[in-house]
Amino acid sequence: MSRIALVTGGTRGIGRAISLALSDAGATVGANYGGNDDAANAFKEETGIHVFKFDVSDFDACKKGIEKIEADLGPIDILVNNAGITRDKPLHKMELEQWDAVIATNLNSVFNTTRNVIEGMRERGFGRIINISSINGQRGQFGQANYSAAKAGLFGFTKAVAQETAAKGITVNAVAPGYVATEMVLAVPEKVLNESILPQIPVGRLGEPEEVGRCVAFLASDEAGFITGSTLSANGGQYMV
């Protein structure tokens, strides 16, 4: 896979695993990050993967960031929209800022990045766009009206853009992970994890970030050229669609 890839939120958690999976598959990866310079620099030093700091919720910042990536690495062939945040609270207690922040980072960002690569992909006749959604975008989740709405929006975006670009050699797919052993999930109290979360998962364990990374690497490959507008659920059987 001799391609140029951009992974948003690509230096930590699932994004880190995606960046490494694409790099291992032969892609030249630019990993975007938003604010944690120490983590990003440590990731770059450890892996040799290029890192680029810009705010994916800001259209102009995305435009400049993508121009920088393409100047340094070359035209982007693979875009993985992974960046996301949570601001959990039941809707009757949720503040507008909490709603807006999650929608901006988890949903608006996907327009911001995709809009800035799509014309180049169309001109070159090739592209792979993979949007990282969530099981909670498929089934909803208490206290996550903002997060679930944003992640559900990715499914509609994926299907619409897949139809628009299929004839141009571009595929657009989504991956919907379940509970994965990231820093955020592992911070959940052990009692809650063991008594409330794991019993819901038929395979009896959390997913590993690398398992999501391998899903993305497959969808980004030439071998997946006949798959578009689809959602790959990687959730251990917790929610079957």
C-alpha atoms as a PDB file:
ATOM      1  CA  MET A   1       0.000   0.000   0.000  1.00  0.00           C
ATOM      2  CA  SER A   2       2.071   2.909  -1.274  1.00  0.00           C
ATOM      3  CA  ARG A   3      -0.375   5.627  -0.265  1.00  0.00           C
ATOM      4  CA  ILE A   4      -0.530   8.828   1.787  1.00  0.00           C
ATOM      5  CA  ALA A   5      -2.905   8.657   4.754  1.00  0.00           C
ATOM      6  CA  LEU A   6      -4.257  11.222   7.194  1.00  0.00           C
ATOM      7  CA  VAL A   7      -5.597   9.934  10.505  1.00  0.00           C
ATOM      8  CA  THR A   8      -7.326  12.541  12.662  1.00  0.00           C
ATOM      9  CA  GLY A   9      -6.850  12.053  16.380  1.00  0.00           C
ATOM     10  CA  GLY A  10      -4.114   9.717  15.233  1.00  0.00           C
ATOM     11  CA  THR A  11      -1.585   9.738  18.072  1.00  0.00           C
ATOM     12  CA  ARG A  12      -3.517   8.178  20.965  1.00  0.00           C
ATOM     13  CA  GLY A  13      -5.948   5.338  21.639  1.00  0.00           C
ATOM     14  CA  ILE A  14      -7.744   3.886  18.630  1.00  0.00           C
ATOM     15  CA  GLY A  15      -6.235   6.574  16.394  1.00  0.00           C
ATOM     16  CA  ARG A  16      -2.725   5.506  17.356  1.00  0.00           C
ATOM     17  CA  ALA A  17      -3.549   1.896  16.476  1.00  0.00           C
ATOM     18  CA  ILE A  18      -4.998   2.988  13.122  1.00  0.00           C
ATOM     19  CA  SER A  19      -1.917   5.059  12.304  1.00  0.00           C
ATOM     20  CA  LEU A  20       0.336   2.104  13.111  1.00  0.00           C
ATOM     21  CA  ALA A  21      -1.799  -0.366  11.138  1.00  0.00           C
ATOM     22  CA  LEU A  22      -1.722   1.824   8.032  1.00  0.00           C
ATOM     23  CA  SER A  23       2.000   2.418   8.428  1.00  0.00           C
ATOM     24  CA  ASP A  24       2.608  -1.319   8.783  1.00  0.00           C
ATOM     25  CA  ALA A  25       0.589  -1.832   5.587  1.00  0.00           C
ATOM     26  CA  GLY A  26       3.006   0.459   3.735  1.00  0.00           C
ATOM     27  CA  ALA A  27       1.218   3.799   3.825  1.00  0.00           C
ATOM     28  CA  THR A  28       2.952   7.057   4.675  1.00  0.00           C
ATOM     29  CA  VAL A  29       0.898   8.366   7.569  1.00  0.00           C
ATOM     30  CA  GLY A  30       0.274  11.863   8.840  1.00  0.00           C
ATOM     31  CA  ALA A  31      -1.263  11.675  12.314  1.00  0.00           C
ATOM     32  CA  ASN A  32      -3.274  14.715  13.310  1.00  0.00           C
ATOM     33  CA  TYR A  33      -3.669  15.780  16.922  1.00  0.00           C
ATOM     34  CA  GLY A  34      -5.378  18.661  18.663  1.00  0.00           C
ATOM     35  CA  GLY A  35      -3.591  19.628  21.826  1.00  0.00           C
ATOM     36  CA  ASN A  36      -1.386  17.118  23.641  1.00  0.00           C
ATOM     37  CA  ASP A  37       2.077  18.056  22.380  1.00  0.00           C
ATOM     38  CA  ASP A  38       3.904  15.741  24.783  1.00  0.00           C
ATOM     39  CA  ALA A  39       1.921  12.672  23.724  1.00  0.00           C
ATOM     40  CA  ALA A  40       2.236  13.564  20.038  1.00  0.00           C
ATOM     41  CA  ASN A  41       5.989  14.113  20.215  1.00  0.00           C
ATOM     42  CA  ALA A  42       6.450  10.864  22.136  1.00  0.00           C
ATOM     43  CA  PHE A  43       4.387   9.059  19.495  1.00  0.00           C
ATOM     44  CA  LYS A  44       6.480  10.570  16.699  1.00  0.00           C
ATOM     45  CA  GLU A  45       9.748   9.659  18.421  1.00  0.00           C
ATOM     46  CA  GLU A  46       8.600   6.106  19.110  1.00  0.00           C
ATOM     47  CA  THR A  47       7.055   5.331  15.711  1.00  0.00           C
ATOM     48  CA  GLY A  48       8.642   7.695  13.201  1.00  0.00           C
ATOM     49  CA  ILE A  49       5.154   8.657  12.019  1.00  0.00           C
ATOM     50  CA  HIS A  50       4.684  12.304  11.041  1.00  0.00           C
ATOM     51  CA  VAL A  51       2.448  14.373  13.325  1.00  0.00           C
ATOM     52  CA  PHE A  52       0.471  17.497  12.449  1.00  0.00           C
ATOM     53  CA  LYS A  53      -1.298  19.741  14.942  1.00  0.00           C
ATOM     54  CA  PHE A  54      -4.540  21.455  13.942  1.00  0.00           C
ATOM     55  CA  ASP A  55      -8.108  21.789  15.204  1.00  0.00           C
ATOM     56  CA  VAL A  56     -10.354  19.537  13.140  1.00  0.00           C
ATOM     57  CA  SER A  57     -13.453  21.440  14.284  1.00  0.00           C
ATOM     58  CA  ASP A  58     -12.177  24.543  12.439  1.00  0.00           C
ATOM     59  CA  PHE A  59     -12.604  24.468   8.650  1.00  0.00           C
ATOM     60  CA  ASP A  60      -9.803  26.939   7.918  1.00  0.00           C
ATOM     61  CA  ALA A  61      -7.437  25.119  10.277  1.00  0.00           C
ATOM     62  CA  CYS A  62      -8.194  21.877   8.431  1.00  0.00           C
ATOM     63  CA  LYS A  63      -7.556  23.520   5.079  1.00  0.00           C
ATOM     64  CA  LYS A  64      -4.164  24.820   6.214  1.00  0.00           C
ATOM     65  CA  GLY A  65      -3.286  21.581   7.990  1.00  0.00           C
ATOM     66  CA  ILE A  66      -4.098  19.449   4.971  1.00  0.00           C
ATOM     67  CA  GLU A  67      -2.148  21.789   2.693  1.00  0.00           C
ATOM     68  CA  LYS A  68       0.831  21.321   5.020  1.00  0.00           C
ATOM     69  CA  ILE A  69       0.481  17.533   4.994  1.00  0.00           C
ATOM     70  CA  GLU A  70       0.236  17.415   1.219  1.00  0.00           C
ATOM     71  CA  ALA A  71       3.235  19.728   0.846  1.00  0.00           C
ATOM     72  CA  ASP A  72       5.303  17.537   3.171  1.00  0.00           C
ATOM     73  CA  LEU A  73       4.087  14.051   2.275  1.00  0.00           C
ATOM     74  CA  GLY A  74       2.107  14.248  -0.972  1.00  0.00           C
ATOM     75  CA  PRO A  75      -1.565  14.146  -1.986  1.00  0.00           C
ATOM     76  CA  ILE A  76      -3.800  12.390   0.537  1.00  0.00           C
ATOM     77  CA  ASP A  77      -5.181   9.065  -0.729  1.00  0.00           C
ATOM     78  CA  ILE A  78      -6.625   7.768   2.556  1.00  0.00           C
ATOM     79  CA  LEU A  79      -8.555   9.810   5.101  1.00  0.00           C
ATOM     80  CA  VAL A  80      -9.523   8.315   8.450  1.00  0.00           C
ATOM     81  CA  ASN A  81     -11.884  10.545  10.425  1.00  0.00           C
ATOM     82  CA  ASN A  82     -11.230   9.331  13.943  1.00  0.00           C
ATOM     83  CA  ALA A  83     -11.000  12.456  16.128  1.00  0.00           C
ATOM     84  CA  GLY A  84     -13.608  12.599  18.847  1.00  0.00           C
ATOM     85  CA  ILE A  85     -14.404  13.868  22.319  1.00  0.00           C
ATOM     86  CA  THR A  86     -17.044  13.193  24.965  1.00  0.00           C
ATOM     87  CA  ARG A  87     -18.936  15.645  27.131  1.00  0.00           C
ATOM     88  CA  ASP A  88     -21.385  13.280  28.794  1.00  0.00           C
ATOM     89  CA  LYS A  89     -24.468  14.451  30.671  1.00  0.00           C
ATOM     90  CA  PRO A  90     -28.199  13.619  30.526  1.00  0.00           C
ATOM     91  CA  LEU A  91     -29.963  15.912  28.092  1.00  0.00           C
ATOM     92  CA  HIS A  92     -31.972  17.717  30.774  1.00  0.00           C
ATOM     93  CA  LYS A  93     -28.674  18.771  32.368  1.00  0.00           C
ATOM     94  CA  MET A  94     -26.600  19.250  29.204  1.00  0.00           C
ATOM     95  CA  GLU A  95     -25.308  22.733  28.425  1.00  0.00           C
ATOM     96  CA  LEU A  96     -25.269  24.124  24.896  1.00  0.00           C
ATOM     97  CA  GLU A  97     -21.467  24.283  25.023  1.00  0.00           C
ATOM     98  CA  GLN A  98     -21.318  20.537  25.697  1.00  0.00           C
ATOM     99  CA  TRP A  99     -23.603  19.835  22.753  1.00  0.00           C
ATOM    100  CA  ASP A 100     -21.766  22.193  20.395  1.00  0.00           C
ATOM    101  CA  ALA A 101     -18.289  20.952  21.347  1.00  0.00           C
ATOM    102  CA  VAL A 102     -19.114  17.319  20.609  1.00  0.00           C
ATOM    103  CA  ILE A 103     -20.979  18.038  17.372  1.00  0.00           C
ATOM    104  CA  ALA A 104     -18.141  20.285  16.172  1.00  0.00           C
ATOM    105  CA  THR A 105     -15.355  17.815  16.924  1.00  0.00           C
ATOM    106  CA  ASN A 106     -17.105  14.530  16.150  1.00  0.00           C
ATOM    107  CA  LEU A 107     -19.312  15.465  13.191  1.00  0.00           C
ATOM    108  CA  ASN A 108     -18.514  18.869  11.701  1.00  0.00           C
ATOM    109  CA  SER A 109     -14.846  17.868  11.574  1.00  0.00           C
ATOM    110  CA  VAL A 110     -15.687  15.104   9.124  1.00  0.00           C
ATOM    111  CA  PHE A 111     -17.032  17.666   6.667  1.00  0.00           C
ATOM    112  CA  ASN A 112     -14.029  19.915   7.307  1.00  0.00           C
ATOM    113  CA  THR A 113     -11.457  17.254   6.474  1.00  0.00           C
ATOM    114  CA  THR A 114     -13.340  15.415   3.749  1.00  0.00           C
ATOM    115  CA  ARG A 115     -14.240  18.592   1.893  1.00  0.00           C
ATOM    116  CA  ASN A 116     -10.559  19.513   1.775  1.00  0.00           C
ATOM    117  CA  VAL A 117      -9.403  16.208   0.254  1.00  0.00           C
ATOM    118  CA  ILE A 118     -12.346  15.148  -1.898  1.00  0.00           C
ATOM    119  CA  GLU A 119     -11.574  17.217  -4.991  1.00  0.00           C
ATOM    120  CA  GLY A 120      -8.029  15.889  -5.183  1.00  0.00           C
ATOM    121  CA  MET A 121      -9.246  12.324  -4.783  1.00  0.00           C
ATOM    122  CA  ARG A 122     -11.793  12.843  -7.559  1.00  0.00           C
ATOM    123  CA  GLU A 123      -9.168  14.286  -9.885  1.00  0.00           C
ATOM    124  CA  ARG A 124      -6.775  11.387  -9.260  1.00  0.00           C
ATOM    125  CA  GLY A 125      -9.502   8.730  -9.496  1.00  0.00           C
ATOM    126  CA  PHE A 126      -8.735   7.097  -6.155  1.00  0.00           C
ATOM    127  CA  GLY A 127      -9.634   7.569  -2.511  1.00  0.00           C
ATOM    128  CA  ARG A 128     -10.390   5.747   0.694  1.00  0.00           C
ATOM    129  CA  ILE A 129     -12.423   7.520   3.376  1.00  0.00           C
ATOM    130  CA  ILE A 130     -13.088   5.688   6.640  1.00  0.00           C
ATOM    131  CA  ASN A 131     -15.230   7.309   9.316  1.00  0.00           C
ATOM    132  CA  ILE A 132     -14.877   6.013  12.874  1.00  0.00           C
ATOM    133  CA  SER A 133     -18.325   5.940  14.429  1.00  0.00           C
ATOM    134  CA  SER A 134     -19.376   3.972  17.513  1.00  0.00           C
ATOM    135  CA  ILE A 135     -21.745   1.349  18.816  1.00  0.00           C
ATOM    136  CA  ASN A 136     -23.382   4.237  20.662  1.00  0.00           C
ATOM    137  CA  GLY A 137     -24.193   5.888  17.352  1.00  0.00           C
ATOM    138  CA  GLN A 138     -26.032   2.699  16.388  1.00  0.00           C
ATOM    139  CA  ARG A 139     -27.983   2.063  19.575  1.00  0.00           C
ATOM    140  CA  GLY A 140     -27.790   5.307  21.585  1.00  0.00           C
ATOM    141  CA  GLN A 141     -26.427   5.615  25.110  1.00  0.00           C
ATOM    142  CA  PHE A 142     -27.689   7.190  28.315  1.00  0.00           C
ATOM    143  CA  GLY A 143     -25.977  10.521  28.949  1.00  0.00           C
ATOM    144  CA  GLN A 144     -24.623  10.744  25.410  1.00  0.00           C
ATOM    145  CA  ALA A 145     -27.284  12.478  23.324  1.00  0.00           C
ATOM    146  CA  ASN A 146     -24.566  14.689  21.835  1.00  0.00           C
ATOM    147  CA  TYR A 147     -22.072  11.879  21.191  1.00  0.00           C
ATOM    148  CA  SER A 148     -24.685   9.432  19.892  1.00  0.00           C
ATOM    149  CA  ALA A 149     -26.161  12.059  17.575  1.00  0.00           C
ATOM    150  CA  ALA A 150     -22.755  12.933  16.144  1.00  0.00           C
ATOM    151  CA  LYS A 151     -21.723   9.317  15.668  1.00  0.00           C
ATOM    152  CA  ALA A 152     -25.084   8.425  14.109  1.00  0.00           C
ATOM    153  CA  GLY A 153     -24.657  11.344  11.714  1.00  0.00           C
ATOM    154  CA  LEU A 154     -21.532   9.688  10.354  1.00  0.00           C
ATOM    155  CA  PHE A 155     -23.592   6.831   8.957  1.00  0.00           C
ATOM    156  CA  GLY A 156     -25.702   9.154   6.823  1.00  0.00           C
ATOM    157  CA  PHE A 157     -22.652  11.110   5.727  1.00  0.00           C
ATOM    158  CA  THR A 158     -20.873   7.872   4.792  1.00  0.00           C
ATOM    159  CA  LYS A 159     -23.737   6.597   2.647  1.00  0.00           C
ATOM    160  CA  ALA A 160     -24.352   9.898   0.886  1.00  0.00           C
ATOM    161  CA  VAL A 161     -20.720  10.577   0.004  1.00  0.00           C
ATOM    162  CA  ALA A 162     -20.233   6.937  -1.012  1.00  0.00           C
ATOM    163  CA  GLN A 163     -22.941   7.390  -3.636  1.00  0.00           C
ATOM    164  CA  GLU A 164     -21.492  10.669  -4.850  1.00  0.00           C
ATOM    165  CA  THR A 165     -17.955   9.371  -5.299  1.00  0.00           C
ATOM    166  CA  ALA A 166     -18.202   5.690  -6.237  1.00  0.00           C
ATOM    167  CA  ALA A 167     -17.808   6.348  -9.956  1.00  0.00           C
ATOM    168  CA  LYS A 168     -14.600   8.291  -9.227  1.00  0.00           C
ATOM    169  CA  GLY A 169     -12.794   5.348  -7.623  1.00  0.00           C
ATOM    170  CA  ILE A 170     -13.414   6.561  -4.069  1.00  0.00           C
ATOM    171  CA  THR A 171     -14.884   4.342  -1.375  1.00  0.00           C
ATOM    172  CA  VAL A 172     -16.446   5.696   1.815  1.00  0.00           C
ATOM    173  CA  ASN A 173     -17.096   3.381   4.753  1.00  0.00           C
ATOM    174  CA  ALA A 174     -17.605   3.505   8.499  1.00  0.00           C
ATOM    175  CA  VAL A 175     -16.250   1.443  11.369  1.00  0.00           C
ATOM    176  CA  ALA A 176     -18.344   1.251  14.538  1.00  0.00           C
ATOM    177  CA  PRO A 177     -16.248  -0.016  17.455  1.00  0.00           C
ATOM    178  CA  GLY A 178     -17.773  -1.240  20.685  1.00  0.00           C
ATOM    179  CA  TYR A 179     -15.975  -1.000  24.012  1.00  0.00           C
ATOM    180  CA  VAL A 180     -12.238  -0.976  23.300  1.00  0.00           C
ATOM    181  CA  ALA A 181      -9.415  -1.082  25.845  1.00  0.00           C
ATOM    182  CA  THR A 182      -8.333   2.525  25.491  1.00  0.00           C
ATOM    183  CA  GLU A 183      -7.246   4.896  28.237  1.00  0.00           C
ATOM    184  CA  MET A 184     -10.775   6.325  28.413  1.00  0.00           C
ATOM    185  CA  VAL A 185     -12.510   2.956  28.809  1.00  0.00           C
ATOM    186  CA  LEU A 186      -9.921   1.569  31.210  1.00  0.00           C
ATOM    187  CA  ALA A 187     -10.547   4.579  33.450  1.00  0.00           C
ATOM    188  CA  VAL A 188     -14.051   3.248  34.130  1.00  0.00           C
ATOM    189  CA  PRO A 189     -14.269   1.833  37.682  1.00  0.00           C
ATOM    190  CA  GLU A 190     -13.440  -1.877  37.720  1.00  0.00           C
ATOM    191  CA  LYS A 191     -16.761  -2.757  39.331  1.00  0.00           C
ATOM    192  CA  VAL A 192     -18.691  -0.997  36.551  1.00  0.00           C
ATOM    193  CA  LEU A 193     -16.509  -2.617  33.897  1.00  0.00           C
ATOM    194  CA  ASN A 194     -16.906  -6.125  35.301  1.00  0.00           C
ATOM    195  CA  GLU A 195     -20.549  -5.967  36.319  1.00  0.00           C
ATOM    196  CA  SER A 196     -22.147  -3.639  33.772  1.00  0.00           C
ATOM    197  CA  ILE A 197     -20.070  -3.592  30.592  1.00  0.00           C
ATOM    198  CA  LEU A 198     -18.364  -6.950  30.085  1.00  0.00           C
ATOM    199  CA  PRO A 199     -21.556  -9.010  30.667  1.00  0.00           C
ATOM    200  CA  GLN A 200     -23.102  -7.232  27.651  1.00  0.00           C
ATOM    201  CA  ILE A 201     -20.314  -8.396  25.325  1.00  0.00           C
ATOM    202  CA  PRO A 202     -20.825 -11.977  24.067  1.00  0.00           C
ATOM    203  CA  VAL A 203     -17.113 -12.579  23.445  1.00  0.00           C
ATOM    204  CA  GLY A 204     -16.521 -11.681  27.094  1.00  0.00           C
ATOM    205  CA  ARG A 205     -13.795  -9.073  26.746  1.00  0.00           C
ATOM    206  CA  LEU A 206     -13.000  -5.576  25.594  1.00  0.00           C
ATOM    207  CA  GLY A 207     -11.764  -5.049  22.078  1.00  0.00           C
ATOM    208  CA  GLU A 208      -8.146  -4.151  21.434  1.00  0.00           C
ATOM    209  CA  PRO A 209      -7.272  -0.921  19.568  1.00  0.00           C
ATOM    210  CA  GLU A 210      -5.232  -2.996  17.123  1.00  0.00           C
ATOM    211  CA  GLU A 211      -8.363  -4.895  16.104  1.00  0.00           C
ATOM    212  CA  VAL A 212      -9.977  -1.646  15.002  1.00  0.00           C
ATOM    213  CA  GLY A 213      -6.738  -0.685  13.270  1.00  0.00           C
ATOM    214  CA  ARG A 214      -6.844  -3.854  11.206  1.00  0.00           C
ATOM    215  CA  CYS A 215     -10.459  -3.135  10.171  1.00  0.00           C
ATOM    216  CA  VAL A 216      -9.397   0.274   8.894  1.00  0.00           C
ATOM    217  CA  ALA A 217      -6.313  -1.061   7.118  1.00  0.00           C
ATOM    218  CA  PHE A 218      -8.502  -3.531   5.237  1.00  0.00           C
ATOM    219  CA  LEU A 219     -11.050  -0.908   4.184  1.00  0.00           C
ATOM    220  CA  ALA A 220      -8.174   1.328   3.038  1.00  0.00           C
ATOM    221  CA  SER A 221      -6.646  -1.407   0.900  1.00  0.00           C
ATOM    222  CA  ASP A 222      -7.013  -2.027  -2.824  1.00  0.00           C
ATOM    223  CA  GLU A 223      -8.664  -5.349  -1.948  1.00  0.00           C
ATOM    224  CA  ALA A 224     -11.638  -3.484  -0.458  1.00  0.00           C
ATOM    225  CA  GLY A 225     -12.415  -1.592  -3.645  1.00  0.00           C
ATOM    226  CA  PHE A 226     -15.892  -3.140  -4.016  1.00  0.00           C
ATOM    227  CA  ILE A 227     -16.976  -2.159  -0.499  1.00  0.00           C
ATOM    228  CA  THR A 228     -18.502   1.289  -0.127  1.00  0.00           C
ATOM    229  CA  GLY A 229     -21.283   2.858   1.914  1.00  0.00           C
ATOM    230  CA  SER A 230     -20.910   0.088   4.478  1.00  0.00           C
ATOM    231  CA  THR A 231     -20.474  -0.050   8.240  1.00  0.00           C
ATOM    232  CA  LEU A 232     -18.143  -2.593   9.811  1.00  0.00           C
ATOM    233  CA  SER A 233     -19.223  -3.231  13.407  1.00  0.00           C
ATOM    234  CA  ALA A 234     -16.375  -4.345  15.668  1.00  0.00           C
ATOM    235  CA  ASN A 235     -18.097  -4.821  18.998  1.00  0.00           C
ATOM    236  CA  GLY A 236     -17.696  -8.442  20.093  1.00  0.00           C
ATOM    237  CA  GLY A 237     -21.354  -9.148  19.335  1.00  0.00           C
ATOM    238  CA  GLN A 238     -22.677  -6.557  21.765  1.00  0.00           C
ATOM    239  CA  TYR A 239     -24.932  -4.992  19.138  1.00  0.00           C
ATOM    240  CA  MET A 240     -25.738  -6.942  15.975  1.00  0.00           C
ATOM    241  CA  VAL A 241     -27.064  -5.159  12.900  1.00  0.00           C
END
